Amino acid sequence: MEEKNKNQLNEPSFAYGKKRIKFFSSLEEENEYNHRYDANLTPEERLREVTQLIKTIFREELKKNPTLGNRIYFS
């Protein structure tokens, strides 16, 4: 019985995009949906989404220094 409830979410998880919200009842269902969604994206769409995510996360830093996001550095 413990194994059955192991992957159940206490609260519904959701994903949103393209004006649609989807609720999931388990982590497996959410992961499967995310993998299918990612597999259907073109490389350009993936880069666009990642760029938007980075801009969202570092919004305040980019406001202070707008040229900060012009280059990517690898160390």
PDB file of N, CA and C in Angstrom:
ATOM      1  N   MET A   1       0.814  -1.192   0.000  1.00  0.00           N
ATOM      2  CA  MET A   1       0.000   0.000   0.000  1.00  0.00           C
ATOM      3  C   MET A   1       0.860   1.260   0.000  1.00  0.00           C
ATOM      4  N   GLU A   2       1.979   1.223   0.680  1.00  0.00           N
ATOM      5  CA  GLU A   2       2.891   2.367   0.721  1.00  0.00           C
ATOM      6  C   GLU A   2       3.407   2.703  -0.677  1.00  0.00           C
ATOM      7  N   GLU A   3       3.754   1.707  -1.477  1.00  0.00           N
ATOM      8  CA  GLU A   3       4.252   1.926  -2.840  1.00  0.00           C
ATOM      9  C   GLU A   3       3.199   2.596  -3.713  1.00  0.00           C
ATOM     10  N   LYS A   4       1.950   2.235  -3.551  1.00  0.00           N
ATOM     11  CA  LYS A   4       0.888   2.791  -4.378  1.00  0.00           C
ATOM     12  C   LYS A   4       0.741   4.291  -4.163  1.00  0.00           C
ATOM     13  N   ASN A   5       0.852   4.756  -2.937  1.00  0.00           N
ATOM     14  CA  ASN A   5       0.680   6.158  -2.616  1.00  0.00           C
ATOM     15  C   ASN A   5       1.967   6.965  -2.703  1.00  0.00           C
ATOM     16  N   LYS A   6       3.071   6.316  -2.987  1.00  0.00           N
ATOM     17  CA  LYS A   6       4.365   6.974  -2.990  1.00  0.00           C
ATOM     18  C   LYS A   6       4.412   8.129  -3.993  1.00  0.00           C
ATOM     19  N   ASN A   7       3.848   7.937  -5.175  1.00  0.00           N
ATOM     20  CA  ASN A   7       3.939   8.937  -6.222  1.00  0.00           C
ATOM     21  C   ASN A   7       2.678   9.771  -6.382  1.00  0.00           C
ATOM     22  N   GLN A   8       1.780   9.719  -5.430  1.00  0.00           N
ATOM     23  CA  GLN A   8       0.578  10.533  -5.484  1.00  0.00           C
ATOM     24  C   GLN A   8       0.894  11.935  -4.965  1.00  0.00           C
ATOM     25  N   LEU A   9       0.335  12.925  -5.606  1.00  0.00           N
ATOM     26  CA  LEU A   9       0.531  14.295  -5.166  1.00  0.00           C
ATOM     27  C   LEU A   9      -0.529  14.653  -4.138  1.00  0.00           C
ATOM     28  N   ASN A  10      -0.146  15.390  -3.116  1.00  0.00           N
ATOM     29  CA  ASN A  10      -1.107  15.846  -2.130  1.00  0.00           C
ATOM     30  C   ASN A  10      -1.975  16.960  -2.699  1.00  0.00           C
ATOM     31  N   GLU A  11      -1.385  17.777  -3.544  1.00  0.00           N
ATOM     32  CA  GLU A  11      -2.108  18.844  -4.218  1.00  0.00           C
ATOM     33  C   GLU A  11      -1.897  18.662  -5.710  1.00  0.00           C
ATOM     34  N   PRO A  12      -2.856  19.044  -6.512  1.00  0.00           N
ATOM     35  CA  PRO A  12      -2.679  18.851  -7.949  1.00  0.00           C
ATOM     36  C   PRO A  12      -1.551  19.713  -8.484  1.00  0.00           C
ATOM     37  N   SER A  13      -0.733  19.129  -9.312  1.00  0.00           N
ATOM     38  CA  SER A  13       0.326  19.859  -9.974  1.00  0.00           C
ATOM     39  C   SER A  13      -0.223  20.343 -11.304  1.00  0.00           C
ATOM     40  N   PHE A  14       0.387  21.367 -11.867  1.00  0.00           N
ATOM     41  CA  PHE A  14      -0.126  21.855 -13.137  1.00  0.00           C
ATOM     42  C   PHE A  14       0.999  22.379 -14.017  1.00  0.00           C
ATOM     43  N   ALA A  15       0.734  22.433 -15.293  1.00  0.00           N
ATOM     44  CA  ALA A  15       1.628  23.041 -16.269  1.00  0.00           C
ATOM     45  C   ALA A  15       0.810  24.016 -17.074  1.00  0.00           C
ATOM     46  N   TYR A  16       1.420  25.089 -17.496  1.00  0.00           N
ATOM     47  CA  TYR A  16       0.674  26.036 -18.298  1.00  0.00           C
ATOM     48  C   TYR A  16       1.504  26.460 -19.501  1.00  0.00           C
ATOM     49  N   GLY A  17       0.848  26.807 -20.506  1.00  0.00           N
ATOM     50  CA  GLY A  17       1.496  27.243 -21.722  1.00  0.00           C
ATOM     51  C   GLY A  17       0.474  27.318 -22.829  1.00  0.00           C
ATOM     52  N   LYS A  18       0.688  28.218 -23.745  1.00  0.00           N
ATOM     53  CA  LYS A  18      -0.203  28.378 -24.891  1.00  0.00           C
ATOM     54  C   LYS A  18      -1.660  28.491 -24.456  1.00  0.00           C
ATOM     55  N   LYS A  19      -1.910  29.320 -23.409  1.00  0.00           N
ATOM     56  CA  LYS A  19      -3.263  29.612 -22.921  1.00  0.00           C
ATOM     57  C   LYS A  19      -4.013  28.379 -22.431  1.00  0.00           C
ATOM     58  N   ARG A  20      -3.306  27.440 -21.820  1.00  0.00           N
ATOM     59  CA  ARG A  20      -3.950  26.224 -21.348  1.00  0.00           C
ATOM     60  C   ARG A  20      -3.318  25.789 -20.035  1.00  0.00           C
ATOM     61  N   ILE A  21      -4.132  25.355 -19.093  1.00  0.00           N
ATOM     62  CA  ILE A  21      -3.640  24.822 -17.823  1.00  0.00           C
ATOM     63  C   ILE A  21      -4.033  23.360 -17.745  1.00  0.00           C
ATOM     64  N   LYS A  22      -3.082  22.505 -17.344  1.00  0.00           N
ATOM     65  CA  LYS A  22      -3.342  21.070 -17.241  1.00  0.00           C
ATOM     66  C   LYS A  22      -3.001  20.631 -15.828  1.00  0.00           C
ATOM     67  N   PHE A  23      -3.913  19.929 -15.186  1.00  0.00           N
ATOM     68  CA  PHE A  23      -3.697  19.401 -13.841  1.00  0.00           C
ATOM     69  C   PHE A  23      -3.324  17.925 -13.930  1.00  0.00           C
ATOM     70  N   PHE A  24      -2.448  17.480 -13.025  1.00  0.00           N
ATOM     71  CA  PHE A  24      -1.974  16.095 -13.018  1.00  0.00           C
ATOM     72  C   PHE A  24      -2.308  15.451 -11.682  1.00  0.00           C
ATOM     73  N   SER A  25      -2.557  14.164 -11.716  1.00  0.00           N
ATOM     74  CA  SER A  25      -2.862  13.456 -10.477  1.00  0.00           C
ATOM     75  C   SER A  25      -1.667  12.696  -9.924  1.00  0.00           C
ATOM     76  N   SER A  26      -0.592  12.568 -10.712  1.00  0.00           N
ATOM     77  CA  SER A  26       0.598  11.881 -10.228  1.00  0.00           C
ATOM     78  C   SER A  26       1.844  12.501 -10.849  1.00  0.00           C
ATOM     79  N   LEU A  27       2.976  12.248 -10.219  1.00  0.00           N
ATOM     80  CA  LEU A  27       4.240  12.748 -10.752  1.00  0.00           C
ATOM     81  C   LEU A  27       4.583  12.096 -12.082  1.00  0.00           C
ATOM     82  N   GLU A  28       4.276  10.826 -12.242  1.00  0.00           N
ATOM     83  CA  GLU A  28       4.546  10.131 -13.499  1.00  0.00           C
ATOM     84  C   GLU A  28       3.768  10.758 -14.649  1.00  0.00           C
ATOM     85  N   GLU A  29       2.511  11.076 -14.387  1.00  0.00           N
ATOM     86  CA  GLU A  29       1.680  11.692 -15.417  1.00  0.00           C
ATOM     87  C   GLU A  29       2.257  13.047 -15.827  1.00  0.00           C
ATOM     88  N   GLU A  30       2.703  13.823 -14.851  1.00  0.00           N
ATOM     89  CA  GLU A  30       3.295  15.126 -15.145  1.00  0.00           C
ATOM     90  C   GLU A  30       4.596  14.967 -15.935  1.00  0.00           C
ATOM     91  N   ASN A  31       5.458  14.048 -15.510  1.00  0.00           N
ATOM     92  CA  ASN A  31       6.719  13.819 -16.216  1.00  0.00           C
ATOM     93  C   ASN A  31       6.487  13.360 -17.649  1.00  0.00           C
ATOM     94  N   GLU A  32       5.545  12.460 -17.844  1.00  0.00           N
ATOM     95  CA  GLU A  32       5.240  11.975 -19.183  1.00  0.00           C
ATOM     96  C   GLU A  32       4.755  13.120 -20.076  1.00  0.00           C
ATOM     97  N   TYR A  33       3.891  13.955 -19.535  1.00  0.00           N
ATOM     98  CA  TYR A  33       3.385  15.103 -20.293  1.00  0.00           C
ATOM     99  C   TYR A  33       4.533  16.046 -20.673  1.00  0.00           C
ATOM    100  N   ASN A  34       5.405  16.337 -19.696  1.00  0.00           N
ATOM    101  CA  ASN A  34       6.526  17.240 -19.953  1.00  0.00           C
ATOM    102  C   ASN A  34       7.480  16.682 -20.997  1.00  0.00           C
ATOM    103  N   HIS A  35       7.735  15.377 -20.959  1.00  0.00           N
ATOM    104  CA  HIS A  35       8.623  14.763 -21.956  1.00  0.00           C
ATOM    105  C   HIS A  35       8.008  14.830 -23.353  1.00  0.00           C
ATOM    106  N   ARG A  36       6.714  14.561 -23.434  1.00  0.00           N
ATOM    107  CA  ARG A  36       6.043  14.650 -24.747  1.00  0.00           C
ATOM    108  C   ARG A  36       6.059  16.082 -25.263  1.00  0.00           C
ATOM    109  N   TYR A  37       5.805  17.033 -24.373  1.00  0.00           N
ATOM    110  CA  TYR A  37       5.797  18.441 -24.773  1.00  0.00           C
ATOM    111  C   TYR A  37       7.178  18.857 -25.285  1.00  0.00           C
ATOM    112  N   ASP A  38       8.224  18.522 -24.529  1.00  0.00           N
ATOM    113  CA  ASP A  38       9.585  18.889 -24.921  1.00  0.00           C
ATOM    114  C   ASP A  38      10.003  18.221 -26.232  1.00  0.00           C
ATOM    115  N   ALA A  39       9.579  16.981 -26.446  1.00  0.00           N
ATOM    116  CA  ALA A  39       9.953  16.254 -27.662  1.00  0.00           C
ATOM    117  C   ALA A  39       9.336  16.891 -28.904  1.00  0.00           C
ATOM    118  N   ASN A  40       8.223  17.580 -28.751  1.00  0.00           N
ATOM    119  CA  ASN A  40       7.549  18.194 -29.892  1.00  0.00           C
ATOM    120  C   ASN A  40       8.030  19.609 -30.198  1.00  0.00           C
ATOM    121  N   LEU A  41       8.930  20.146 -29.387  1.00  0.00           N
ATOM    122  CA  LEU A  41       9.443  21.487 -29.631  1.00  0.00           C
ATOM    123  C   LEU A  41      10.617  21.448 -30.602  1.00  0.00           C
ATOM    124  N   THR A  42      10.714  22.481 -31.421  1.00  0.00           N
ATOM    125  CA  THR A  42      11.887  22.614 -32.286  1.00  0.00           C
ATOM    126  C   THR A  42      13.028  23.170 -31.444  1.00  0.00           C
ATOM    127  N   PRO A  43      14.259  23.029 -31.894  1.00  0.00           N
ATOM    128  CA  PRO A  43      15.379  23.607 -31.126  1.00  0.00           C
ATOM    129  C   PRO A  43      15.222  25.117 -30.899  1.00  0.00           C
ATOM    130  N   GLU A  44      14.687  25.824 -31.884  1.00  0.00           N
ATOM    131  CA  GLU A  44      14.490  27.263 -31.733  1.00  0.00           C
ATOM    132  C   GLU A  44      13.460  27.562 -30.634  1.00  0.00           C
ATOM    133  N   GLU A  45      12.399  26.768 -30.576  1.00  0.00           N
ATOM    134  CA  GLU A  45      11.381  26.963 -29.539  1.00  0.00           C
ATOM    135  C   GLU A  45      11.945  26.659 -28.158  1.00  0.00           C
ATOM    136  N   ARG A  46      12.788  25.644 -28.059  1.00  0.00           N
ATOM    137  CA  ARG A  46      13.414  25.324 -26.773  1.00  0.00           C
ATOM    138  C   ARG A  46      14.309  26.468 -26.307  1.00  0.00           C
ATOM    139  N   LEU A  47      15.121  27.005 -27.232  1.00  0.00           N
ATOM    140  CA  LEU A  47      15.984  28.129 -26.871  1.00  0.00           C
ATOM    141  C   LEU A  47      15.165  29.348 -26.466  1.00  0.00           C
ATOM    142  N   ARG A  48      14.063  29.585 -27.159  1.00  0.00           N
ATOM    143  CA  ARG A  48      13.200  30.717 -26.828  1.00  0.00           C
ATOM    144  C   ARG A  48      12.624  30.549 -25.426  1.00  0.00           C
ATOM    145  N   GLU A  49      12.172  29.350 -25.088  1.00  0.00           N
ATOM    146  CA  GLU A  49      11.609  29.113 -23.752  1.00  0.00           C
ATOM    147  C   GLU A  49      12.672  29.241 -22.662  1.00  0.00           C
ATOM    148  N   VAL A  50      13.856  28.694 -22.912  1.00  0.00           N
ATOM    149  CA  VAL A  50      14.928  28.783 -21.916  1.00  0.00           C
ATOM    150  C   VAL A  50      15.360  30.232 -21.732  1.00  0.00           C
ATOM    151  N   THR A  51      15.464  30.971 -22.826  1.00  0.00           N
ATOM    152  CA  THR A  51      15.823  32.385 -22.739  1.00  0.00           C
ATOM    153  C   THR A  51      14.791  33.156 -21.927  1.00  0.00           C
ATOM    154  N   GLN A  52      13.525  32.885 -22.164  1.00  0.00           N
ATOM    155  CA  GLN A  52      12.464  33.558 -21.407  1.00  0.00           C
ATOM    156  C   GLN A  52      12.535  33.194 -19.926  1.00  0.00           C
ATOM    157  N   LEU A  53      12.819  31.936 -19.621  1.00  0.00           N
ATOM    158  CA  LEU A  53      12.952  31.501 -18.230  1.00  0.00           C
ATOM    159  C   LEU A  53      14.115  32.215 -17.552  1.00  0.00           C
ATOM    160  N   ILE A  54      15.253  32.315 -18.241  1.00  0.00           N
ATOM    161  CA  ILE A  54      16.419  33.013 -17.685  1.00  0.00           C
ATOM    162  C   ILE A  54      16.085  34.475 -17.439  1.00  0.00           C
ATOM    163  N   LYS A  55      15.414  35.115 -18.386  1.00  0.00           N
ATOM    164  CA  LYS A  55      15.039  36.522 -18.211  1.00  0.00           C
ATOM    165  C   LYS A  55      14.087  36.697 -17.039  1.00  0.00           C
ATOM    166  N   THR A  56      13.197  35.746 -16.838  1.00  0.00           N
ATOM    167  CA  THR A  56      12.266  35.823 -15.717  1.00  0.00           C
ATOM    168  C   THR A  56      12.998  35.674 -14.386  1.00  0.00           C
ATOM    169  N   ILE A  57      13.910  34.708 -14.314  1.00  0.00           N
ATOM    170  CA  ILE A  57      14.635  34.454 -13.070  1.00  0.00           C
ATOM    171  C   ILE A  57      15.544  35.616 -12.708  1.00  0.00           C
ATOM    172  N   PHE A  58      16.225  36.182 -13.708  1.00  0.00           N
ATOM    173  CA  PHE A  58      17.194  37.246 -13.453  1.00  0.00           C
ATOM    174  C   PHE A  58      16.649  38.622 -13.819  1.00  0.00           C
ATOM    175  N   ARG A  59      15.333  38.820 -13.696  1.00  0.00           N
ATOM    176  CA  ARG A  59      14.688  40.067 -14.092  1.00  0.00           C
ATOM    177  C   ARG A  59      15.301  41.283 -13.405  1.00  0.00           C
ATOM    178  N   GLU A  60      15.477  41.219 -12.096  1.00  0.00           N
ATOM    179  CA  GLU A  60      15.998  42.380 -11.353  1.00  0.00           C
ATOM    180  C   GLU A  60      17.435  42.697 -11.749  1.00  0.00           C
ATOM    181  N   GLU A  61      18.276  41.683 -11.908  1.00  0.00           N
ATOM    182  CA  GLU A  61      19.664  41.910 -12.305  1.00  0.00           C
ATOM    183  C   GLU A  61      19.742  42.513 -13.704  1.00  0.00           C
ATOM    184  N   LEU A  62      18.856  42.073 -14.601  1.00  0.00           N
ATOM    185  CA  LEU A  62      18.851  42.600 -15.964  1.00  0.00           C
ATOM    186  C   LEU A  62      18.334  44.041 -15.996  1.00  0.00           C
ATOM    187  N   LYS A  63      17.462  44.401 -15.072  1.00  0.00           N
ATOM    188  CA  LYS A  63      17.007  45.794 -15.000  1.00  0.00           C
ATOM    189  C   LYS A  63      18.157  46.710 -14.596  1.00  0.00           C
ATOM    190  N   LYS A  64      18.999  46.249 -13.667  1.00  0.00           N
ATOM    191  CA  LYS A  64      20.128  47.043 -13.198  1.00  0.00           C
ATOM    192  C   LYS A  64      21.215  47.145 -14.262  1.00  0.00           C
ATOM    193  N   ASN A  65      21.435  46.057 -15.015  1.00  0.00           N
ATOM    194  CA  ASN A  65      22.495  46.030 -16.023  1.00  0.00           C
ATOM    195  C   ASN A  65      21.942  45.345 -17.283  1.00  0.00           C
ATOM    196  N   PRO A  66      21.309  46.093 -18.186  1.00  0.00           N
ATOM    197  CA  PRO A  66      20.630  45.508 -19.347  1.00  0.00           C
ATOM    198  C   PRO A  66      21.553  44.748 -20.297  1.00  0.00           C
ATOM    199  N   THR A  67      22.840  45.071 -20.322  1.00  0.00           N
ATOM    200  CA  THR A  67      23.749  44.380 -21.245  1.00  0.00           C
ATOM    201  C   THR A  67      24.278  43.075 -20.660  1.00  0.00           C
ATOM    202  N   LEU A  68      23.878  42.773 -19.440  1.00  0.00           N
ATOM    203  CA  LEU A  68      24.355  41.564 -18.767  1.00  0.00           C
ATOM    204  C   LEU A  68      23.990  40.306 -19.545  1.00  0.00           C
ATOM    205  N   GLY A  69      22.828  40.280 -20.189  1.00  0.00           N
ATOM    206  CA  GLY A  69      22.375  39.091 -20.891  1.00  0.00           C
ATOM    207  C   GLY A  69      22.820  38.973 -22.323  1.00  0.00           C
ATOM    208  N   ASN A  70      23.779  39.809 -22.757  1.00  0.00           N
ATOM    209  CA  ASN A  70      24.204  39.773 -24.153  1.00  0.00           C
ATOM    210  C   ASN A  70      25.182  38.641 -24.457  1.00  0.00           C
ATOM    211  N   ARG A  71      25.841  38.130 -23.448  1.00  0.00           N
ATOM    212  CA  ARG A  71      26.852  37.090 -23.656  1.00  0.00           C
ATOM    213  C   ARG A  71      26.667  35.961 -22.649  1.00  0.00           C
ATOM    214  N   ILE A  72      27.067  34.793 -23.083  1.00  0.00           N
ATOM    215  CA  ILE A  72      27.068  33.632 -22.194  1.00  0.00           C
ATOM    216  C   ILE A  72      28.530  33.237 -21.982  1.00  0.00           C
ATOM    217  N   TYR A  73      28.909  33.070 -20.716  1.00  0.00           N
ATOM    218  CA  TYR A  73      30.277  32.688 -20.391  1.00  0.00           C
ATOM    219  C   TYR A  73      30.291  31.277 -19.839  1.00  0.00           C
ATOM    220  N   PHE A  74      31.257  30.492 -20.264  1.00  0.00           N
ATOM    221  CA  PHE A  74      31.437  29.129 -19.762  1.00  0.00           C
ATOM    222  C   PHE A  74      32.726  29.080 -18.989  1.00  0.00           C
ATOM    223  N   SER A  75      32.677  28.476 -17.819  1.00  0.00           N
ATOM    224  CA  SER A  75      33.907  28.381 -17.030  1.00  0.00           C
ATOM    225  C   SER A  75      34.300  26.942 -16.817  1.00  0.00           C
TER     226      SER A  75
END
